[in-house]
């Protein structure tokens, strides 16, 4: 599932390169992908569309296997995966309960993802399940 989420995430990023202000529409036409060309836009699709933009973050959350348990002030990364186009990502000022954290996620050569805590304000537990 994470591999599929990463593939869709990469496709959305590729599509956004061709779109005005990188704003994702609510849908695209269902034509085959053409290398180096923009996606075929659906003429009456709304752009930007809030759920289309929000989908990127949900796909990223799925790739990371991220679960947030706010009452317990706990973050769990379960077998995180970073897509091939994204070797490293920084998450800043993530609020969980009354705590805040900055994280650096890095993909290593073997595909393993490391999670480094850059800053922690307040009590928060960070769990990495491999």
N, C-alpha and C. Protein backbone atom coordinates (compact mmCIF):
# COMPACT_ATOMS: atom_id res chain seq x y z
N UNK A 1 0.82 -1.19 0.00
CA UNK A 1 0.00 0.00 0.00
C UNK A 1 0.87 1.26 0.00
N UNK A 2 1.95 1.27 0.79
CA UNK A 2 2.80 2.45 0.84
C UNK A 2 3.43 2.73 -0.52
N UNK A 3 3.80 1.68 -1.23
CA UNK A 3 4.36 1.86 -2.56
C UNK A 3 3.36 2.49 -3.51
N UNK A 4 2.11 2.09 -3.41
CA UNK A 4 1.06 2.67 -4.25
C UNK A 4 0.82 4.12 -3.89
N UNK A 5 0.81 4.43 -2.60
CA UNK A 5 0.63 5.82 -2.15
C UNK A 5 1.79 6.67 -2.66
N UNK A 6 3.01 6.14 -2.62
CA UNK A 6 4.17 6.88 -3.10
C UNK A 6 4.08 7.13 -4.60
N UNK A 7 3.55 6.16 -5.35
CA UNK A 7 3.41 6.31 -6.79
C UNK A 7 2.37 7.40 -7.12
N UNK A 8 1.27 7.42 -6.41
CA UNK A 8 0.24 8.45 -6.64
C UNK A 8 0.79 9.82 -6.25
N UNK A 9 1.51 9.88 -5.12
CA UNK A 9 2.11 11.13 -4.67
C UNK A 9 3.08 11.67 -5.72
N UNK A 10 3.90 10.80 -6.30
CA UNK A 10 4.84 11.22 -7.35
C UNK A 10 4.08 11.72 -8.58
N UNK A 11 2.99 11.05 -8.93
CA UNK A 11 2.19 11.47 -10.08
C UNK A 11 1.57 12.84 -9.86
N UNK A 12 1.09 13.10 -8.66
CA UNK A 12 0.51 14.41 -8.36
C UNK A 12 1.57 15.51 -8.40
N UNK A 13 2.75 15.19 -7.89
CA UNK A 13 3.84 16.17 -7.95
C UNK A 13 4.21 16.46 -9.41
N UNK A 14 4.33 15.41 -10.21
CA UNK A 14 4.64 15.59 -11.63
C UNK A 14 3.58 16.45 -12.32
N UNK A 15 2.32 16.17 -12.03
CA UNK A 15 1.22 16.94 -12.64
C UNK A 15 1.27 18.40 -12.19
N UNK A 16 1.57 18.64 -10.91
CA UNK A 16 1.54 20.01 -10.38
C UNK A 16 2.58 20.91 -11.04
N UNK A 17 3.63 20.32 -11.57
CA UNK A 17 4.68 21.11 -12.24
C UNK A 17 4.10 21.88 -13.42
N UNK A 18 3.10 21.32 -14.09
CA UNK A 18 2.51 21.92 -15.29
C UNK A 18 1.34 22.86 -14.96
N UNK A 19 0.91 22.91 -13.71
CA UNK A 19 -0.30 23.65 -13.36
C UNK A 19 0.00 25.03 -12.81
N UNK A 20 -0.85 25.98 -13.13
CA UNK A 20 -0.71 27.35 -12.65
C UNK A 20 -0.62 27.36 -11.13
N UNK A 21 0.46 27.94 -10.60
CA UNK A 21 0.72 28.02 -9.17
C UNK A 21 0.73 26.65 -8.48
N UNK A 22 0.94 25.59 -9.27
CA UNK A 22 1.00 24.21 -8.77
C UNK A 22 -0.30 23.79 -8.07
N UNK A 23 -1.40 24.40 -8.44
CA UNK A 23 -2.70 24.12 -7.82
C UNK A 23 -3.33 22.88 -8.44
N UNK A 24 -3.60 21.89 -7.63
CA UNK A 24 -4.18 20.64 -8.11
C UNK A 24 -5.69 20.79 -8.32
N UNK A 25 -6.18 20.31 -9.46
CA UNK A 25 -7.63 20.33 -9.69
C UNK A 25 -8.29 19.14 -9.00
N UNK A 26 -9.60 19.12 -9.02
CA UNK A 26 -10.31 18.02 -8.38
C UNK A 26 -10.22 16.72 -9.16
N UNK A 27 -9.95 16.80 -10.48
CA UNK A 27 -9.79 15.59 -11.28
C UNK A 27 -9.06 15.91 -12.57
N UNK A 28 -8.53 14.86 -13.18
CA UNK A 28 -7.85 14.95 -14.47
C UNK A 28 -8.61 14.06 -15.45
N UNK A 29 -8.39 14.29 -16.75
CA UNK A 29 -8.95 13.38 -17.75
C UNK A 29 -8.20 12.06 -17.67
N UNK A 30 -8.83 10.99 -18.08
CA UNK A 30 -8.25 9.67 -17.96
C UNK A 30 -7.48 9.19 -19.17
N UNK A 31 -6.64 10.04 -19.73
CA UNK A 31 -5.84 9.65 -20.87
C UNK A 31 -4.48 9.13 -20.39
N UNK A 32 -3.84 8.27 -21.19
CA UNK A 32 -2.52 7.77 -20.80
C UNK A 32 -1.52 8.91 -20.64
N UNK A 33 -0.56 8.69 -19.78
CA UNK A 33 0.48 9.68 -19.51
C UNK A 33 1.41 9.79 -20.71
N UNK A 34 1.79 11.04 -21.04
CA UNK A 34 2.71 11.31 -22.14
C UNK A 34 3.95 11.97 -21.56
N UNK A 35 5.08 11.34 -21.75
CA UNK A 35 6.34 11.83 -21.19
C UNK A 35 6.62 13.27 -21.61
N UNK A 36 6.91 14.12 -20.62
CA UNK A 36 7.27 15.51 -20.90
C UNK A 36 6.12 16.43 -21.23
N UNK A 37 4.89 15.93 -21.22
CA UNK A 37 3.72 16.76 -21.54
C UNK A 37 2.84 16.92 -20.32
N UNK A 38 2.08 17.99 -20.32
CA UNK A 38 1.18 18.25 -19.20
C UNK A 38 0.00 17.28 -19.23
N UNK A 39 -0.60 17.06 -18.06
CA UNK A 39 -1.80 16.22 -18.06
C UNK A 39 -2.94 16.94 -18.78
N UNK A 40 -3.87 16.16 -19.30
CA UNK A 40 -5.04 16.74 -19.94
C UNK A 40 -6.02 17.15 -18.85
N UNK A 41 -6.30 18.43 -18.80
CA UNK A 41 -7.19 18.93 -17.76
C UNK A 41 -8.65 18.67 -18.13
N UNK A 42 -9.44 18.38 -17.14
CA UNK A 42 -10.87 18.21 -17.33
C UNK A 42 -11.46 19.61 -17.39
N UNK A 43 -12.19 19.94 -18.44
CA UNK A 43 -12.59 21.33 -18.68
C UNK A 43 -13.38 22.00 -17.54
N UNK A 44 -14.21 21.26 -16.82
CA UNK A 44 -15.03 21.91 -15.80
C UNK A 44 -14.57 21.58 -14.38
N UNK A 45 -13.36 21.03 -14.24
CA UNK A 45 -12.83 20.71 -12.91
C UNK A 45 -12.46 21.99 -12.17
N UNK A 46 -12.78 22.05 -10.91
CA UNK A 46 -12.42 23.20 -10.09
C UNK A 46 -10.93 23.11 -9.72
N UNK A 47 -10.24 24.25 -9.84
CA UNK A 47 -8.84 24.31 -9.45
C UNK A 47 -8.57 25.71 -8.92
N UNK A 48 -8.01 25.88 -7.77
CA UNK A 48 -7.60 24.77 -6.89
C UNK A 48 -8.81 24.14 -6.22
N UNK A 49 -8.60 22.96 -5.74
CA UNK A 49 -9.65 22.25 -5.01
C UNK A 49 -9.07 21.80 -3.68
N UNK A 50 -9.74 22.13 -2.60
CA UNK A 50 -9.20 21.87 -1.26
C UNK A 50 -8.92 20.40 -1.03
N UNK A 51 -9.82 19.51 -1.41
CA UNK A 51 -9.58 18.10 -1.12
C UNK A 51 -8.45 17.54 -1.98
N UNK A 52 -8.26 18.08 -3.17
CA UNK A 52 -7.14 17.64 -4.01
C UNK A 52 -5.82 18.04 -3.38
N UNK A 53 -5.76 19.26 -2.85
CA UNK A 53 -4.55 19.72 -2.18
C UNK A 53 -4.31 18.95 -0.89
N UNK A 54 -5.38 18.69 -0.14
CA UNK A 54 -5.26 17.95 1.11
C UNK A 54 -4.87 16.50 0.90
N UNK A 55 -5.22 15.94 -0.26
CA UNK A 55 -4.89 14.55 -0.55
C UNK A 55 -3.39 14.30 -0.53
N UNK A 56 -2.61 15.28 -0.94
CA UNK A 56 -1.16 15.15 -0.95
C UNK A 56 -0.65 14.85 0.46
N UNK A 57 -1.17 15.55 1.45
CA UNK A 57 -0.73 15.34 2.83
C UNK A 57 -1.18 13.99 3.37
N UNK A 58 -2.36 13.54 2.99
CA UNK A 58 -2.83 12.23 3.42
C UNK A 58 -2.02 11.12 2.76
N UNK A 59 -1.64 11.29 1.51
CA UNK A 59 -0.78 10.31 0.85
C UNK A 59 0.59 10.26 1.51
N UNK A 60 1.12 11.43 1.86
CA UNK A 60 2.41 11.50 2.54
C UNK A 60 2.33 10.82 3.91
N UNK A 61 1.25 11.05 4.63
CA UNK A 61 1.02 10.41 5.92
C UNK A 61 0.99 8.89 5.76
N UNK A 62 0.34 8.41 4.70
CA UNK A 62 0.28 6.97 4.43
C UNK A 62 1.67 6.42 4.13
N UNK A 63 2.47 7.13 3.36
CA UNK A 63 3.83 6.69 3.05
C UNK A 63 4.67 6.56 4.32
N UNK A 64 4.49 7.48 5.23
CA UNK A 64 5.27 7.47 6.47
C UNK A 64 4.73 6.49 7.51
N UNK A 65 3.54 5.96 7.28
CA UNK A 65 2.94 5.10 8.29
C UNK A 65 2.74 5.88 9.58
N UNK A 66 2.40 7.14 9.45
CA UNK A 66 2.32 8.06 10.59
C UNK A 66 0.97 7.98 11.29
N UNK A 67 1.03 7.74 12.59
CA UNK A 67 -0.17 7.79 13.44
C UNK A 67 0.12 8.77 14.56
N UNK A 68 -0.85 9.63 14.84
CA UNK A 68 -0.69 10.64 15.89
C UNK A 68 -1.70 10.34 16.99
N UNK A 69 -1.19 10.22 18.20
CA UNK A 69 -2.02 9.97 19.37
C UNK A 69 -1.88 11.20 20.28
N UNK A 70 -2.72 12.21 20.02
CA UNK A 70 -2.59 13.50 20.71
C UNK A 70 -2.76 13.39 22.21
N UNK A 71 -3.78 12.68 22.75
CA UNK A 71 -3.92 12.64 24.21
C UNK A 71 -2.70 12.03 24.91
N UNK A 72 -2.04 11.08 24.24
CA UNK A 72 -0.85 10.45 24.81
C UNK A 72 0.43 11.19 24.44
N UNK A 73 0.32 12.22 23.60
CA UNK A 73 1.48 12.96 23.08
C UNK A 73 2.49 11.98 22.49
N UNK A 74 2.02 11.27 21.48
CA UNK A 74 2.82 10.20 20.89
C UNK A 74 2.70 10.21 19.37
N UNK A 75 3.84 10.09 18.69
CA UNK A 75 3.91 9.94 17.23
C UNK A 75 4.46 8.55 16.94
N UNK A 76 3.82 7.84 16.02
CA UNK A 76 4.31 6.52 15.63
C UNK A 76 4.52 6.52 14.12
N UNK A 77 5.74 6.14 13.70
CA UNK A 77 6.08 5.93 12.30
C UNK A 77 6.21 4.42 12.12
N UNK A 78 5.32 3.82 11.33
CA UNK A 78 5.33 2.38 11.12
C UNK A 78 5.86 2.06 9.73
N UNK A 79 7.07 1.52 9.68
CA UNK A 79 7.72 1.16 8.41
C UNK A 79 7.63 2.30 7.40
N UNK A 80 8.18 3.48 7.75
CA UNK A 80 8.06 4.64 6.85
C UNK A 80 8.77 4.41 5.51
N UNK A 81 8.22 5.04 4.49
CA UNK A 81 8.76 4.98 3.14
C UNK A 81 8.79 6.40 2.58
N UNK A 82 9.92 6.79 2.03
CA UNK A 82 10.00 8.05 1.30
C UNK A 82 10.07 7.71 -0.19
N UNK A 83 9.24 8.34 -1.01
CA UNK A 83 9.25 8.06 -2.45
C UNK A 83 10.63 8.34 -3.04
N UNK A 84 10.97 7.70 -4.15
CA UNK A 84 12.30 7.88 -4.76
C UNK A 84 12.66 9.34 -5.05
N UNK A 85 11.68 10.18 -5.38
CA UNK A 85 11.97 11.58 -5.69
C UNK A 85 12.23 12.42 -4.45
N UNK A 86 12.06 11.85 -3.26
CA UNK A 86 12.13 12.61 -2.02
C UNK A 86 13.10 11.94 -1.05
N UNK A 87 14.41 12.24 -1.14
CA UNK A 87 15.38 11.58 -0.27
C UNK A 87 15.33 12.05 1.18
N UNK A 88 14.80 13.24 1.39
CA UNK A 88 14.81 13.80 2.74
C UNK A 88 13.66 14.80 2.88
N UNK A 89 13.07 14.86 4.05
CA UNK A 89 12.01 15.84 4.31
C UNK A 89 12.11 16.31 5.76
N UNK A 90 11.83 17.59 5.96
CA UNK A 90 11.81 18.16 7.30
C UNK A 90 10.37 18.54 7.63
N UNK A 91 9.93 18.12 8.80
CA UNK A 91 8.62 18.50 9.32
C UNK A 91 8.88 19.46 10.47
N UNK A 92 8.37 20.66 10.35
CA UNK A 92 8.63 21.68 11.38
C UNK A 92 7.36 22.04 12.15
N UNK A 93 7.56 22.23 13.44
CA UNK A 93 6.52 22.73 14.34
C UNK A 93 5.26 21.87 14.33
N UNK A 94 5.45 20.56 14.35
CA UNK A 94 4.33 19.64 14.44
C UNK A 94 3.82 19.65 15.87
N UNK A 95 2.56 20.02 16.04
CA UNK A 95 1.96 20.13 17.38
C UNK A 95 1.20 18.86 17.70
N UNK A 96 1.51 18.27 18.83
CA UNK A 96 0.84 17.06 19.31
C UNK A 96 0.52 17.29 20.78
N UNK A 97 -0.78 17.43 21.08
CA UNK A 97 -1.15 17.81 22.44
C UNK A 97 -0.56 19.19 22.71
N UNK A 98 0.10 19.35 23.84
CA UNK A 98 0.74 20.63 24.16
C UNK A 98 2.20 20.67 23.74
N UNK A 99 2.70 19.66 23.06
CA UNK A 99 4.10 19.59 22.67
C UNK A 99 4.27 19.99 21.21
N UNK A 100 5.52 20.33 20.86
CA UNK A 100 5.88 20.66 19.48
C UNK A 100 7.19 19.96 19.17
N UNK A 101 7.32 19.60 17.88
CA UNK A 101 8.53 18.88 17.48
C UNK A 101 8.89 19.22 16.04
N UNK A 102 10.20 19.27 15.77
CA UNK A 102 10.73 19.36 14.41
C UNK A 102 11.43 18.04 14.13
N UNK A 103 11.18 17.46 12.96
CA UNK A 103 11.74 16.16 12.61
C UNK A 103 12.41 16.21 11.25
N UNK A 104 13.48 15.43 11.10
CA UNK A 104 14.15 15.25 9.83
C UNK A 104 14.05 13.77 9.47
N UNK A 105 13.42 13.47 8.34
CA UNK A 105 13.31 12.09 7.86
C UNK A 105 14.23 11.93 6.66
N UNK A 106 15.05 10.88 6.67
CA UNK A 106 16.04 10.66 5.63
C UNK A 106 15.96 9.23 5.13
N UNK A 107 15.90 9.08 3.79
CA UNK A 107 15.93 7.75 3.19
C UNK A 107 17.38 7.34 3.01
N UNK A 108 17.72 6.14 3.45
CA UNK A 108 19.06 5.61 3.30
C UNK A 108 19.12 4.73 2.06
N UNK A 109 20.31 4.35 1.64
CA UNK A 109 20.51 3.59 0.40
C UNK A 109 19.65 2.35 0.29
N UNK A 110 19.48 1.64 1.38
CA UNK A 110 18.69 0.40 1.35
C UNK A 110 17.19 0.64 1.44
N UNK A 111 16.77 1.91 1.40
CA UNK A 111 15.35 2.24 1.43
C UNK A 111 14.82 2.49 2.83
N UNK A 112 15.63 2.18 3.83
CA UNK A 112 15.25 2.41 5.22
C UNK A 112 15.14 3.92 5.46
N UNK A 113 14.21 4.32 6.32
CA UNK A 113 14.02 5.74 6.63
C UNK A 113 14.36 5.98 8.09
N UNK A 114 15.24 6.95 8.32
CA UNK A 114 15.61 7.36 9.68
C UNK A 114 14.84 8.59 10.08
N UNK A 115 14.54 8.68 11.37
CA UNK A 115 13.82 9.84 11.91
C UNK A 115 14.71 10.47 12.97
N UNK A 116 15.09 11.73 12.75
CA UNK A 116 15.90 12.47 13.70
C UNK A 116 15.07 13.60 14.29
N UNK A 117 15.16 13.77 15.59
CA UNK A 117 14.47 14.86 16.27
C UNK A 117 15.40 16.07 16.26
N UNK A 118 14.96 17.15 15.61
CA UNK A 118 15.75 18.38 15.54
C UNK A 118 15.44 19.31 16.70
N UNK A 119 14.18 19.31 17.13
CA UNK A 119 13.76 20.16 18.25
C UNK A 119 12.56 19.51 18.91
N UNK A 120 12.52 19.63 20.22
CA UNK A 120 11.39 19.09 20.98
C UNK A 120 11.06 20.08 22.09
N UNK A 121 9.82 20.57 22.09
CA UNK A 121 9.32 21.44 23.17
C UNK A 121 8.17 20.73 23.84
N UNK A 122 8.34 20.38 25.09
CA UNK A 122 7.31 19.65 25.81
C UNK A 122 7.55 18.15 25.73
N UNK A 123 6.69 17.41 26.39
CA UNK A 123 6.81 15.96 26.42
C UNK A 123 6.11 15.35 25.23
N UNK A 124 6.86 14.59 24.44
CA UNK A 124 6.31 13.87 23.32
C UNK A 124 7.14 12.62 23.07
N UNK A 125 6.49 11.52 22.83
CA UNK A 125 7.16 10.26 22.54
C UNK A 125 7.12 10.03 21.04
N UNK A 126 8.27 9.67 20.47
CA UNK A 126 8.36 9.38 19.04
C UNK A 126 8.80 7.92 18.90
N UNK A 127 7.97 7.14 18.22
CA UNK A 127 8.21 5.71 18.06
C UNK A 127 8.42 5.41 16.58
N UNK A 128 9.49 4.67 16.29
CA UNK A 128 9.79 4.25 14.92
C UNK A 128 9.75 2.74 14.88
N UNK A 129 8.76 2.20 14.16
CA UNK A 129 8.61 0.75 14.01
C UNK A 129 9.16 0.36 12.65
N UNK A 130 10.11 -0.57 12.64
CA UNK A 130 10.75 -1.01 11.37
C UNK A 130 10.10 -2.25 10.85
